[in-house]
Amino acid sequence: QVQLVESGGGLVQAGGSLRLSCAASGRTFSNFAMGWFRQAPGKEREFVAAINWSGDNTAYADSVKGRFTISRDNAKNTVYLQMNNLKSEDTAVYYCAADPSNMNIRSSPMYWGQGTQVTVSS
């Protein structure tokens, strides 16, 4: 089992920045690909960003490319999502996810956090 706890969400004005963190425990963190997803009210959960085991390969949804950056610190068992130039359409609950496979992390991760709310006011 892997436990994931997100933090860093909150209320920010459009154009502002936030950094989300996700602390993992329970298994060897560096053996897991990590990802961020989000779910806005009335919408399905969608992929935001992913990073492979070693941190040298990342992927992003088109809607956040150039604004969001995913990174990880394997020594701290933590993955981050730096969000810049936030827009009202970024408002959502953001979820951290983990999977042993770099292939599955974007589609069907095995483990999920509880989520953290991000609200962007226009």
C-alpha atoms as a PDB file:
ATOM      1  CA  GLN A   1       0.000   0.000   0.000  1.00  0.00           C
ATOM      2  CA  VAL A   2       0.976   3.578  -0.663  1.00  0.00           C
ATOM      3  CA  GLN A   3      -0.477   6.485   1.266  1.00  0.00           C
ATOM      4  CA  LEU A   4      -0.573   9.869  -0.437  1.00  0.00           C
ATOM      5  CA  VAL A   5      -1.298  13.162   1.308  1.00  0.00           C
ATOM      6  CA  GLU A   6      -1.679  16.362  -0.684  1.00  0.00           C
ATOM      7  CA  SER A   7      -1.167  19.871   0.632  1.00  0.00           C
ATOM      8  CA  GLY A   8      -0.755  23.401  -0.665  1.00  0.00           C
ATOM      9  CA  GLY A   9      -4.157  24.077  -2.115  1.00  0.00           C
ATOM     10  CA  GLY A  10      -6.047  27.283  -1.481  1.00  0.00           C
ATOM     11  CA  LEU A  11      -7.562  30.418  -2.930  1.00  0.00           C
ATOM     12  CA  VAL A  12      -5.523  32.495  -5.368  1.00  0.00           C
ATOM     13  CA  GLN A  13      -6.243  35.272  -7.817  1.00  0.00           C
ATOM     14  CA  ALA A  14      -6.002  34.702 -11.537  1.00  0.00           C
ATOM     15  CA  GLY A  15      -2.412  35.089 -12.669  1.00  0.00           C
ATOM     16  CA  GLY A  16      -1.082  33.922  -9.325  1.00  0.00           C
ATOM     17  CA  SER A  17       0.855  30.823  -8.343  1.00  0.00           C
ATOM     18  CA  LEU A  18       0.530  27.869  -6.006  1.00  0.00           C
ATOM     19  CA  ARG A  19       2.714  24.875  -5.284  1.00  0.00           C
ATOM     20  CA  LEU A  20       1.061  21.604  -4.391  1.00  0.00           C
ATOM     21  CA  SER A  21       2.919  18.912  -2.514  1.00  0.00           C
ATOM     22  CA  CYS A  22       2.165  15.228  -2.158  1.00  0.00           C
ATOM     23  CA  ALA A  23       3.902  13.234   0.550  1.00  0.00           C
ATOM     24  CA  ALA A  24       4.057   9.481   0.009  1.00  0.00           C
ATOM     25  CA  SER A  25       4.573   6.702   2.516  1.00  0.00           C
ATOM     26  CA  GLY A  26       4.270   2.971   2.754  1.00  0.00           C
ATOM     27  CA  ARG A  27       6.436   1.764  -0.104  1.00  0.00           C
ATOM     28  CA  THR A  28       9.696   2.740  -1.795  1.00  0.00           C
ATOM     29  CA  PHE A  29       8.824   6.067  -3.370  1.00  0.00           C
ATOM     30  CA  SER A  30      11.415   5.899  -6.130  1.00  0.00           C
ATOM     31  CA  ASN A  31       9.757   2.737  -7.468  1.00  0.00           C
ATOM     32  CA  PHE A  32       6.603   4.657  -8.386  1.00  0.00           C
ATOM     33  CA  ALA A  33       5.652   6.944 -11.212  1.00  0.00           C
ATOM     34  CA  MET A  34       3.694   9.897  -9.854  1.00  0.00           C
ATOM     35  CA  GLY A  35       0.968  12.045 -11.293  1.00  0.00           C
ATOM     36  CA  TRP A  36      -1.469  14.851 -10.682  1.00  0.00           C
ATOM     37  CA  PHE A  37      -5.097  14.844 -11.732  1.00  0.00           C
ATOM     38  CA  ARG A  38      -7.922  17.291 -11.162  1.00  0.00           C
ATOM     39  CA  GLN A  39     -11.685  17.297 -11.033  1.00  0.00           C
ATOM     40  CA  ALA A  40     -13.755  20.423 -11.487  1.00  0.00           C
ATOM     41  CA  PRO A  41     -17.389  20.611 -10.331  1.00  0.00           C
ATOM     42  CA  GLY A  42     -19.654  18.712 -12.689  1.00  0.00           C
ATOM     43  CA  LYS A  43     -16.747  17.351 -14.729  1.00  0.00           C
ATOM     44  CA  GLU A  44     -14.839  14.105 -14.881  1.00  0.00           C
ATOM     45  CA  ARG A  45     -11.423  13.770 -13.329  1.00  0.00           C
ATOM     46  CA  GLU A  46      -8.692  14.601 -15.830  1.00  0.00           C
ATOM     47  CA  PHE A  47      -4.966  14.071 -16.158  1.00  0.00           C
ATOM     48  CA  VAL A  48      -2.754  17.078 -15.420  1.00  0.00           C
ATOM     49  CA  ALA A  49       0.879  15.950 -15.206  1.00  0.00           C
ATOM     50  CA  ALA A  50       3.060  12.909 -14.622  1.00  0.00           C
ATOM     51  CA  ILE A  51       6.673  12.150 -13.806  1.00  0.00           C
ATOM     52  CA  ASN A  52       8.585   8.903 -14.088  1.00  0.00           C
ATOM     53  CA  TRP A  53      10.474   7.042 -11.382  1.00  0.00           C
ATOM     54  CA  SER A  54      13.731   8.940 -11.714  1.00  0.00           C
ATOM     55  CA  GLY A  55      12.234  12.333 -12.489  1.00  0.00           C
ATOM     56  CA  ASP A  56      13.858  12.765 -15.890  1.00  0.00           C
ATOM     57  CA  ASN A  57      10.711  12.326 -17.941  1.00  0.00           C
ATOM     58  CA  THR A  58       7.531  14.371 -17.560  1.00  0.00           C
ATOM     59  CA  ALA A  59       4.229  14.741 -19.366  1.00  0.00           C
ATOM     60  CA  TYR A  60       1.524  17.399 -19.258  1.00  0.00           C
ATOM     61  CA  ALA A  61      -2.006  17.999 -20.405  1.00  0.00           C
ATOM     62  CA  ASP A  62      -2.136  20.560 -23.193  1.00  0.00           C
ATOM     63  CA  SER A  63      -4.196  22.877 -21.006  1.00  0.00           C
ATOM     64  CA  VAL A  64      -1.353  23.319 -18.494  1.00  0.00           C
ATOM     65  CA  LYS A  65       1.771  23.089 -20.645  1.00  0.00           C
ATOM     66  CA  GLY A  66       4.061  26.023 -20.075  1.00  0.00           C
ATOM     67  CA  ARG A  67       2.290  26.982 -16.831  1.00  0.00           C
ATOM     68  CA  PHE A  68       2.591  23.918 -14.577  1.00  0.00           C
ATOM     69  CA  THR A  69       5.723  21.995 -13.626  1.00  0.00           C
ATOM     70  CA  ILE A  70       5.821  18.600 -11.954  1.00  0.00           C
ATOM     71  CA  SER A  71       8.893  17.544 -10.009  1.00  0.00           C
ATOM     72  CA  ARG A  72       9.865  15.048  -7.353  1.00  0.00           C
ATOM     73  CA  ASP A  73      12.323  14.683  -4.514  1.00  0.00           C
ATOM     74  CA  ASN A  74      12.925  11.001  -3.910  1.00  0.00           C
ATOM     75  CA  ALA A  75      14.906  11.734  -0.762  1.00  0.00           C
ATOM     76  CA  LYS A  76      11.823  13.404   0.722  1.00  0.00           C
ATOM     77  CA  ASN A  77       9.252  11.010  -0.779  1.00  0.00           C
ATOM     78  CA  THR A  78       7.453  14.004  -2.199  1.00  0.00           C
ATOM     79  CA  VAL A  79       6.119  15.088  -5.565  1.00  0.00           C
ATOM     80  CA  TYR A  80       5.304  18.704  -6.375  1.00  0.00           C
ATOM     81  CA  LEU A  81       3.149  20.599  -8.805  1.00  0.00           C
ATOM     82  CA  GLN A  82       4.202  24.195  -9.360  1.00  0.00           C
ATOM     83  CA  MET A  83       1.286  26.086 -10.889  1.00  0.00           C
ATOM     84  CA  ASN A  84       1.918  29.503 -12.411  1.00  0.00           C
ATOM     85  CA  ASN A  85      -0.292  31.951 -14.268  1.00  0.00           C
ATOM     86  CA  LEU A  86      -3.374  30.300 -12.827  1.00  0.00           C
ATOM     87  CA  LYS A  87      -6.695  30.723 -14.580  1.00  0.00           C
ATOM     88  CA  SER A  88     -10.252  30.406 -13.335  1.00  0.00           C
ATOM     89  CA  GLU A  89     -10.601  27.198 -15.342  1.00  0.00           C
ATOM     90  CA  ASP A  90      -7.870  25.646 -13.180  1.00  0.00           C
ATOM     91  CA  THR A  91     -10.286  25.633 -10.252  1.00  0.00           C
ATOM     92  CA  ALA A  92     -10.680  22.028  -9.161  1.00  0.00           C
ATOM     93  CA  VAL A  93      -9.829  19.438  -6.575  1.00  0.00           C
ATOM     94  CA  TYR A  94      -6.305  18.261  -7.327  1.00  0.00           C
ATOM     95  CA  TYR A  95      -5.370  14.651  -6.668  1.00  0.00           C
ATOM     96  CA  CYS A  96      -1.978  13.040  -6.367  1.00  0.00           C
ATOM     97  CA  ALA A  97      -1.593   9.539  -7.813  1.00  0.00           C
ATOM     98  CA  ALA A  98       1.018   6.802  -7.855  1.00  0.00           C
ATOM     99  CA  ASP A  99       1.593   3.682  -9.894  1.00  0.00           C
ATOM    100  CA  PRO A 100       4.475   1.221 -10.221  1.00  0.00           C
ATOM    101  CA  SER A 101       4.245   1.541 -13.988  1.00  0.00           C
ATOM    102  CA  ASN A 102       5.305   4.553 -15.999  1.00  0.00           C
ATOM    103  CA  MET A 103       2.748   3.407 -18.593  1.00  0.00           C
ATOM    104  CA  ASN A 104      -0.277   3.357 -16.276  1.00  0.00           C
ATOM    105  CA  ILE A 105       0.253   6.611 -14.413  1.00  0.00           C
ATOM    106  CA  ARG A 106      -1.560   8.735 -16.973  1.00  0.00           C
ATOM    107  CA  SER A 107      -4.607   6.517 -17.317  1.00  0.00           C
ATOM    108  CA  SER A 108      -5.285   4.265 -14.346  1.00  0.00           C
ATOM    109  CA  PRO A 109      -3.024   4.865 -11.365  1.00  0.00           C
ATOM    110  CA  MET A 110      -3.211   2.347  -8.581  1.00  0.00           C
ATOM    111  CA  TYR A 111      -3.071   4.734  -5.634  1.00  0.00           C
ATOM    112  CA  TRP A 112      -4.795   8.056  -4.985  1.00  0.00           C
ATOM    113  CA  GLY A 113      -4.652  10.799  -2.424  1.00  0.00           C
ATOM    114  CA  GLN A 114      -7.697  12.485  -0.926  1.00  0.00           C
ATOM    115  CA  GLY A 115      -7.312  15.680  -2.900  1.00  0.00           C
ATOM    116  CA  THR A 116      -6.733  19.354  -2.199  1.00  0.00           C
ATOM    117  CA  GLN A 117      -8.945  22.204  -3.356  1.00  0.00           C
ATOM    118  CA  VAL A 118      -7.553  24.900  -5.634  1.00  0.00           C
ATOM    119  CA  THR A 119      -9.774  27.889  -6.293  1.00  0.00           C
ATOM    120  CA  VAL A 120      -8.756  30.612  -8.723  1.00  0.00           C
ATOM    121  CA  SER A 121     -10.730  33.828  -8.533  1.00  0.00           C
ATOM    122  CA  SER A 122     -11.034  36.017 -11.601  1.00  0.00           C
END
